[in-house]
Amino acid sequence: MYQVIVLPKALKDLSNLDKSIAKRVTDKLMWLSDKIETINPLALKSNLSGFYKLKIGGYRALYDIDHIKKIIYVHKIGHRKEIYKY
């Protein structure tokens, strides 16, 4: 199991979401921490290369992974229409 660290920008994004959506995001991040070694993360390209996306309905979480320390760093959370303007 990997540790999930939600960075300050993503924490602010999370606090701005509706409570039910924020709970779905939090639940999905916990799922990711448990399953990261058995799934194939969705890598991003272009100016967001090095990041991965986690789909949560119409929302996305952008994260990167430190496999040595077993940490997932969540950088941004938002609606899929806005998230890629990072």
N, C-alpha and C. Protein backbone atom coordinates (compact mmCIF):
# COMPACT_ATOMS: atom_id res chain seq x y z
N MET A 1 0.84 -1.18 0.00
CA MET A 1 0.00 0.00 0.00
C MET A 1 0.89 1.24 0.00
N TYR A 2 0.54 2.19 -0.85
CA TYR A 2 1.27 3.45 -0.94
C TYR A 2 0.61 4.50 -0.06
N GLN A 3 1.40 5.44 0.41
CA GLN A 3 0.88 6.58 1.16
C GLN A 3 0.43 7.63 0.15
N VAL A 4 -0.68 8.30 0.40
CA VAL A 4 -1.16 9.38 -0.45
C VAL A 4 -0.93 10.70 0.26
N ILE A 5 -0.22 11.61 -0.42
CA ILE A 5 -0.01 12.95 0.12
C ILE A 5 -0.71 13.93 -0.82
N VAL A 6 -1.70 14.64 -0.29
CA VAL A 6 -2.42 15.65 -1.06
C VAL A 6 -1.72 16.98 -0.82
N LEU A 7 -1.11 17.50 -1.87
CA LEU A 7 -0.35 18.74 -1.76
C LEU A 7 -1.29 19.93 -1.56
N PRO A 8 -0.78 21.07 -1.03
CA PRO A 8 -1.65 22.20 -0.68
C PRO A 8 -2.59 22.67 -1.79
N LYS A 9 -2.13 22.74 -3.04
CA LYS A 9 -2.99 23.18 -4.14
C LYS A 9 -4.16 22.20 -4.32
N ALA A 10 -3.86 20.92 -4.28
CA ALA A 10 -4.91 19.90 -4.43
C ALA A 10 -5.86 19.90 -3.23
N LEU A 11 -5.33 20.17 -2.06
CA LEU A 11 -6.17 20.25 -0.86
C LEU A 11 -7.16 21.40 -0.98
N LYS A 12 -6.70 22.52 -1.53
CA LYS A 12 -7.58 23.66 -1.76
C LYS A 12 -8.64 23.30 -2.80
N ASP A 13 -8.22 22.62 -3.87
CA ASP A 13 -9.17 22.16 -4.89
C ASP A 13 -10.23 21.26 -4.26
N LEU A 14 -9.80 20.35 -3.41
CA LEU A 14 -10.70 19.40 -2.76
C LEU A 14 -11.70 20.12 -1.85
N SER A 15 -11.23 21.13 -1.13
CA SER A 15 -12.11 21.86 -0.21
C SER A 15 -13.15 22.70 -0.96
N ASN A 16 -12.88 23.03 -2.22
CA ASN A 16 -13.83 23.81 -3.02
C ASN A 16 -14.90 22.95 -3.68
N LEU A 17 -14.76 21.64 -3.62
CA LEU A 17 -15.74 20.74 -4.23
C LEU A 17 -16.94 20.53 -3.31
N ASP A 18 -18.05 20.15 -3.91
CA ASP A 18 -19.23 19.73 -3.16
C ASP A 18 -18.83 18.56 -2.27
N LYS A 19 -19.39 18.48 -1.08
CA LYS A 19 -18.98 17.45 -0.11
C LYS A 19 -19.13 16.02 -0.65
N SER A 20 -20.19 15.76 -1.41
CA SER A 20 -20.37 14.40 -1.94
C SER A 20 -19.31 14.07 -2.99
N ILE A 21 -18.93 15.04 -3.80
CA ILE A 21 -17.88 14.82 -4.80
C ILE A 21 -16.54 14.67 -4.10
N ALA A 22 -16.28 15.50 -3.09
CA ALA A 22 -15.03 15.41 -2.34
C ALA A 22 -14.88 14.04 -1.69
N LYS A 23 -15.98 13.48 -1.20
CA LYS A 23 -15.92 12.14 -0.60
C LYS A 23 -15.60 11.09 -1.66
N ARG A 24 -16.20 11.21 -2.83
CA ARG A 24 -15.90 10.27 -3.92
C ARG A 24 -14.43 10.34 -4.30
N VAL A 25 -13.89 11.56 -4.37
CA VAL A 25 -12.47 11.75 -4.71
C VAL A 25 -11.60 11.11 -3.64
N THR A 26 -11.90 11.38 -2.39
CA THR A 26 -11.12 10.82 -1.28
C THR A 26 -11.17 9.30 -1.28
N ASP A 27 -12.36 8.75 -1.49
CA ASP A 27 -12.50 7.29 -1.54
C ASP A 27 -11.69 6.69 -2.68
N LYS A 28 -11.71 7.36 -3.83
CA LYS A 28 -10.98 6.85 -5.00
C LYS A 28 -9.46 6.95 -4.77
N LEU A 29 -9.01 7.98 -4.09
CA LEU A 29 -7.58 8.10 -3.77
C LEU A 29 -7.14 6.98 -2.82
N MET A 30 -8.00 6.63 -1.88
CA MET A 30 -7.69 5.51 -0.98
C MET A 30 -7.64 4.19 -1.75
N TRP A 31 -8.56 4.04 -2.70
CA TRP A 31 -8.55 2.86 -3.57
C TRP A 31 -7.24 2.81 -4.36
N LEU A 32 -6.82 3.96 -4.90
CA LEU A 32 -5.58 4.04 -5.67
C LEU A 32 -4.39 3.63 -4.83
N SER A 33 -4.33 4.09 -3.59
CA SER A 33 -3.19 3.76 -2.72
C SER A 33 -3.08 2.26 -2.49
N ASP A 34 -4.21 1.59 -2.49
CA ASP A 34 -4.24 0.15 -2.28
C ASP A 34 -3.95 -0.64 -3.56
N LYS A 35 -4.36 -0.11 -4.71
CA LYS A 35 -4.29 -0.85 -5.98
C LYS A 35 -3.18 -0.40 -6.92
N ILE A 36 -2.39 0.60 -6.56
CA ILE A 36 -1.43 1.21 -7.48
C ILE A 36 -0.46 0.19 -8.08
N GLU A 37 -0.13 -0.84 -7.35
CA GLU A 37 0.83 -1.83 -7.86
C GLU A 37 0.18 -2.85 -8.79
N THR A 38 -1.14 -2.87 -8.86
CA THR A 38 -1.82 -3.86 -9.70
C THR A 38 -2.53 -3.24 -10.90
N ILE A 39 -2.55 -1.91 -10.99
CA ILE A 39 -3.21 -1.25 -12.12
C ILE A 39 -2.16 -0.64 -13.04
N ASN A 40 -2.62 -0.19 -14.19
CA ASN A 40 -1.75 0.51 -15.13
C ASN A 40 -2.14 1.98 -15.11
N PRO A 41 -1.41 2.84 -14.37
CA PRO A 41 -1.79 4.25 -14.26
C PRO A 41 -1.86 4.93 -15.63
N LEU A 42 -2.78 5.88 -15.78
CA LEU A 42 -2.97 6.59 -17.03
C LEU A 42 -2.01 7.77 -17.10
N ALA A 43 -0.93 7.61 -17.87
CA ALA A 43 0.09 8.65 -17.99
C ALA A 43 -0.38 9.78 -18.89
N LEU A 44 0.01 10.99 -18.54
CA LEU A 44 -0.30 12.16 -19.35
C LEU A 44 0.88 12.48 -20.26
N LYS A 45 0.62 13.31 -21.26
CA LYS A 45 1.65 13.66 -22.25
C LYS A 45 1.82 15.17 -22.31
N SER A 46 2.71 15.59 -23.19
CA SER A 46 2.95 17.00 -23.49
C SER A 46 3.42 17.76 -22.24
N ASN A 47 2.79 18.90 -21.94
CA ASN A 47 3.25 19.71 -20.81
C ASN A 47 2.96 19.07 -19.46
N LEU A 48 2.19 18.00 -19.44
CA LEU A 48 1.89 17.30 -18.18
C LEU A 48 2.56 15.94 -18.10
N SER A 49 3.57 15.73 -18.94
CA SER A 49 4.27 14.44 -18.87
C SER A 49 4.92 14.30 -17.50
N GLY A 50 4.93 13.10 -17.00
CA GLY A 50 5.42 12.84 -15.65
C GLY A 50 4.29 12.74 -14.64
N PHE A 51 3.10 13.18 -15.05
CA PHE A 51 1.91 13.08 -14.20
C PHE A 51 1.01 11.96 -14.70
N TYR A 52 0.16 11.50 -13.82
CA TYR A 52 -0.85 10.51 -14.14
C TYR A 52 -2.20 11.09 -13.78
N LYS A 53 -3.26 10.53 -14.40
CA LYS A 53 -4.61 11.00 -14.06
C LYS A 53 -5.40 9.86 -13.45
N LEU A 54 -6.24 10.23 -12.51
CA LEU A 54 -7.18 9.30 -11.89
C LEU A 54 -8.57 9.82 -12.21
N LYS A 55 -9.38 9.00 -12.86
CA LYS A 55 -10.74 9.40 -13.23
C LYS A 55 -11.70 9.13 -12.08
N ILE A 56 -12.48 10.16 -11.74
CA ILE A 56 -13.50 10.04 -10.71
C ILE A 56 -14.76 10.68 -11.28
N GLY A 57 -15.53 9.93 -12.05
CA GLY A 57 -16.69 10.49 -12.73
C GLY A 57 -16.23 11.58 -13.68
N GLY A 58 -16.82 12.78 -13.55
CA GLY A 58 -16.43 13.91 -14.38
C GLY A 58 -15.23 14.67 -13.85
N TYR A 59 -14.63 14.19 -12.80
CA TYR A 59 -13.49 14.85 -12.18
C TYR A 59 -12.22 14.04 -12.39
N ARG A 60 -11.09 14.73 -12.22
CA ARG A 60 -9.79 14.08 -12.37
C ARG A 60 -8.88 14.53 -11.23
N ALA A 61 -7.97 13.65 -10.86
CA ALA A 61 -6.90 13.99 -9.93
C ALA A 61 -5.59 13.77 -10.68
N LEU A 62 -4.71 14.75 -10.65
CA LEU A 62 -3.39 14.63 -11.27
C LEU A 62 -2.39 14.31 -10.18
N TYR A 63 -1.58 13.29 -10.42
CA TYR A 63 -0.64 12.84 -9.40
C TYR A 63 0.64 12.33 -10.02
N ASP A 64 1.66 12.21 -9.20
CA ASP A 64 2.87 11.50 -9.60
C ASP A 64 3.20 10.49 -8.50
N ILE A 65 4.11 9.59 -8.84
CA ILE A 65 4.39 8.46 -7.96
C ILE A 65 5.88 8.37 -7.66
N ASP A 66 6.21 8.20 -6.39
CA ASP A 66 7.57 7.88 -5.97
C ASP A 66 7.56 6.41 -5.56
N HIS A 67 8.00 5.55 -6.48
CA HIS A 67 7.94 4.11 -6.21
C HIS A 67 8.94 3.67 -5.15
N ILE A 68 10.02 4.41 -5.01
CA ILE A 68 11.03 4.05 -4.00
C ILE A 68 10.48 4.28 -2.59
N LYS A 69 9.87 5.45 -2.38
CA LYS A 69 9.31 5.77 -1.06
C LYS A 69 7.87 5.28 -0.90
N LYS A 70 7.29 4.78 -2.00
CA LYS A 70 5.90 4.31 -2.01
C LYS A 70 4.93 5.42 -1.58
N ILE A 71 5.06 6.56 -2.30
CA ILE A 71 4.21 7.72 -2.03
C ILE A 71 3.56 8.18 -3.34
N ILE A 72 2.28 8.51 -3.27
CA ILE A 72 1.55 9.12 -4.36
C ILE A 72 1.33 10.58 -3.97
N TYR A 73 1.82 11.50 -4.80
CA TYR A 73 1.65 12.94 -4.56
C TYR A 73 0.52 13.45 -5.45
N VAL A 74 -0.55 13.95 -4.85
CA VAL A 74 -1.67 14.50 -5.60
C VAL A 74 -1.43 16.00 -5.75
N HIS A 75 -1.35 16.46 -7.01
CA HIS A 75 -1.02 17.85 -7.30
C HIS A 75 -2.23 18.73 -7.56
N LYS A 76 -3.26 18.16 -8.20
CA LYS A 76 -4.42 18.97 -8.58
C LYS A 76 -5.64 18.08 -8.69
N ILE A 77 -6.79 18.64 -8.33
CA ILE A 77 -8.08 17.95 -8.43
C ILE A 77 -9.06 18.92 -9.06
N GLY A 78 -9.80 18.47 -10.06
CA GLY A 78 -10.77 19.36 -10.68
C GLY A 78 -11.60 18.68 -11.73
N HIS A 79 -12.52 19.46 -12.30
CA HIS A 79 -13.39 18.94 -13.35
C HIS A 79 -12.55 18.66 -14.60
N ARG A 80 -12.94 17.66 -15.34
CA ARG A 80 -12.15 17.23 -16.50
C ARG A 80 -12.01 18.32 -17.56
N LYS A 81 -12.93 19.29 -17.60
CA LYS A 81 -12.84 20.38 -18.59
C LYS A 81 -11.81 21.43 -18.18
N GLU A 82 -11.44 21.47 -16.91
CA GLU A 82 -10.53 22.50 -16.41
C GLU A 82 -9.18 21.97 -15.95
N ILE A 83 -9.11 20.71 -15.60
CA ILE A 83 -7.94 20.15 -14.92
C ILE A 83 -6.65 20.24 -15.73
N TYR A 84 -6.75 20.14 -17.05
CA TYR A 84 -5.55 20.07 -17.87
C TYR A 84 -4.95 21.43 -18.18
N LYS A 85 -5.50 22.49 -17.60
CA LYS A 85 -4.95 23.84 -17.75
C LYS A 85 -3.98 24.15 -16.61
N TYR A 86 -3.30 23.13 -16.13
CA TYR A 86 -2.41 23.20 -14.97
C TYR A 86 -1.10 23.82 -15.35
